[in-house]
C-alpha cells in the first residue's frame, strides 16, 4: 500500500529520502486517479525498500502541487536525491511505470 504524504511531510518523506520516490498527485473524486490507484499500491509492494511510492491528495495539500505546477491529475513525479527526474500525467499503464522505475530510479 502506498504511503500518504502531505504538504507538512513532503520534504522529509520525498526530498530527503535516501531512495528514489515516485509521488502520485491525485484526488478521491478523480476517475483516472481511482483507476491507477491499485497499480500504485502494487508497485509500492513490488519495489519496497528500493523505491518509495507515495500518494498526495491535491485537495487536502495545495502547496506542493502548486510548487510543482500540477495542473492535471493523476500526475506522477519521480524524485531522486530531492531532484525531479521524470514527470508523467494521466492514468499510465503499469508496464510504463515499471519501465520508468527501472530505467530512471534504479539506474
Protein backbone atom coordinates (compact mmCIF):
# COMPACT_ATOMS: atom_id res chain seq x y z
CA UNK A 1 0.00 0.00 0.00
CA UNK A 2 1.38 3.39 -0.97
CA UNK A 3 2.15 5.77 1.86
CA UNK A 4 0.21 9.06 2.10
CA UNK A 5 2.30 12.22 2.09
CA UNK A 6 1.16 15.75 2.98
CA UNK A 7 2.47 19.26 2.46
CA UNK A 8 3.86 19.02 6.02
CA UNK A 9 5.68 15.71 5.45
CA UNK A 10 6.70 16.24 1.80
CA UNK A 11 10.23 17.49 2.49
CA UNK A 12 11.15 14.74 4.94
CA UNK A 13 9.46 11.90 3.05
CA UNK A 14 10.22 12.87 -0.57
CA UNK A 15 13.03 15.40 -0.84
CA UNK A 16 15.17 13.96 1.98
CA UNK A 17 14.60 10.29 1.09
CA UNK A 18 17.73 8.16 0.73
CA UNK A 19 16.00 6.13 -2.00
CA UNK A 20 14.11 7.33 -5.12
CA UNK A 21 10.46 8.39 -4.62
CA UNK A 22 7.54 8.11 -7.03
CA UNK A 23 4.86 10.60 -5.98
CA UNK A 24 1.28 10.23 -7.25
CA UNK A 25 -0.65 13.53 -7.13
CA UNK A 26 -4.34 12.56 -7.08
CA UNK A 27 -7.80 13.14 -5.58
CA UNK A 28 -10.58 10.77 -4.46
CA UNK A 29 -13.11 12.22 -6.95
CA UNK A 30 -10.80 11.71 -9.96
CA UNK A 31 -11.77 8.69 -12.10
CA UNK A 32 -8.34 8.14 -13.70
CA UNK A 33 -6.75 8.52 -10.23
CA UNK A 34 -9.00 5.78 -8.87
CA UNK A 35 -8.12 3.61 -11.89
CA UNK A 36 -4.37 3.95 -11.35
CA UNK A 37 -4.57 3.72 -7.54
CA UNK A 38 -4.38 -0.10 -7.31
CA UNK A 39 -1.38 -0.10 -9.68
CA UNK A 40 0.40 2.44 -7.47
CA UNK A 41 -0.31 0.26 -4.42
CA UNK A 42 1.03 -2.85 -6.23
CA UNK A 43 4.21 -1.02 -7.21
CA UNK A 44 4.68 0.11 -3.60
CA UNK A 45 4.80 -3.54 -2.58
CA UNK A 46 6.96 -4.67 -5.50
CA UNK A 47 9.64 -2.01 -5.02
CA UNK A 48 9.55 -1.79 -1.21
CA UNK A 49 12.99 -0.88 0.10
CA UNK A 50 14.21 0.17 -3.36
CA UNK A 51 11.79 2.94 -4.37
CA UNK A 52 9.37 4.72 -2.07
CA UNK A 53 5.91 5.01 -3.67
CA UNK A 54 3.70 7.71 -2.13
CA UNK A 55 0.40 9.47 -2.83
CA UNK A 56 -0.69 13.04 -2.19
CA UNK A 57 -4.30 14.24 -2.13
CA UNK A 58 -4.19 17.53 -4.03
CA UNK A 59 -7.41 18.79 -2.44
CA UNK A 60 -6.05 18.45 1.10
CA UNK A 61 -2.50 19.56 0.24
CA UNK A 62 -2.47 22.57 -2.13
CA UNK A 63 1.08 23.84 -1.51
CA UNK A 64 3.17 21.05 -3.03
CA UNK A 65 1.08 20.59 -6.22
CA UNK A 66 1.24 24.36 -6.78
CA UNK A 67 5.02 24.38 -6.27
CA UNK A 68 5.44 21.68 -8.94
CA UNK A 69 2.90 23.18 -11.36
CA UNK A 70 0.42 20.31 -11.19
CA UNK A 71 -2.48 21.24 -13.47
CA UNK A 72 -3.96 17.80 -14.20
CA UNK A 73 -4.29 14.64 -12.15
CA UNK A 74 -3.13 12.00 -11.85
CA UNK A 75 0.39 13.33 -12.25
CA UNK A 76 3.34 11.20 -11.18
CA UNK A 77 6.74 12.68 -10.44
CA UNK A 78 9.85 10.59 -9.87
CA UNK A 79 12.33 12.16 -7.43
CA UNK A 80 15.89 11.03 -6.77
CA UNK A 81 18.15 12.87 -4.36
CA UNK A 82 15.48 15.56 -3.96
CA UNK A 83 15.51 16.34 -7.71
CA UNK A 84 12.77 15.71 -10.29
CA UNK A 85 13.87 13.00 -12.72
CA UNK A 86 10.66 12.50 -14.68
CA UNK A 87 7.01 13.56 -14.74
CA UNK A 88 4.04 11.74 -16.28
CA UNK A 89 0.40 12.80 -16.45
CA UNK A 90 -2.65 10.58 -16.86
CA UNK A 91 -3.56 7.01 -15.99
CA UNK A 92 -0.26 5.46 -17.03
CA UNK A 93 -0.16 1.68 -17.57
CA UNK A 94 1.75 -0.46 -15.06
CA UNK A 95 4.42 -1.58 -17.59
CA UNK A 96 5.23 2.07 -18.38
CA UNK A 97 5.63 2.84 -14.68
CA UNK A 98 7.79 -0.23 -14.13
CA UNK A 99 9.93 0.84 -17.10
CA UNK A 100 10.28 4.34 -15.63
CA UNK A 101 11.31 2.95 -12.25
CA UNK A 102 13.86 0.51 -13.66
CA UNK A 103 15.41 2.90 -16.19
CA UNK A 104 15.42 6.10 -14.11
CA UNK A 105 15.10 5.34 -10.40
CA UNK A 106 17.16 2.16 -10.17
CA UNK A 107 19.72 3.08 -12.85
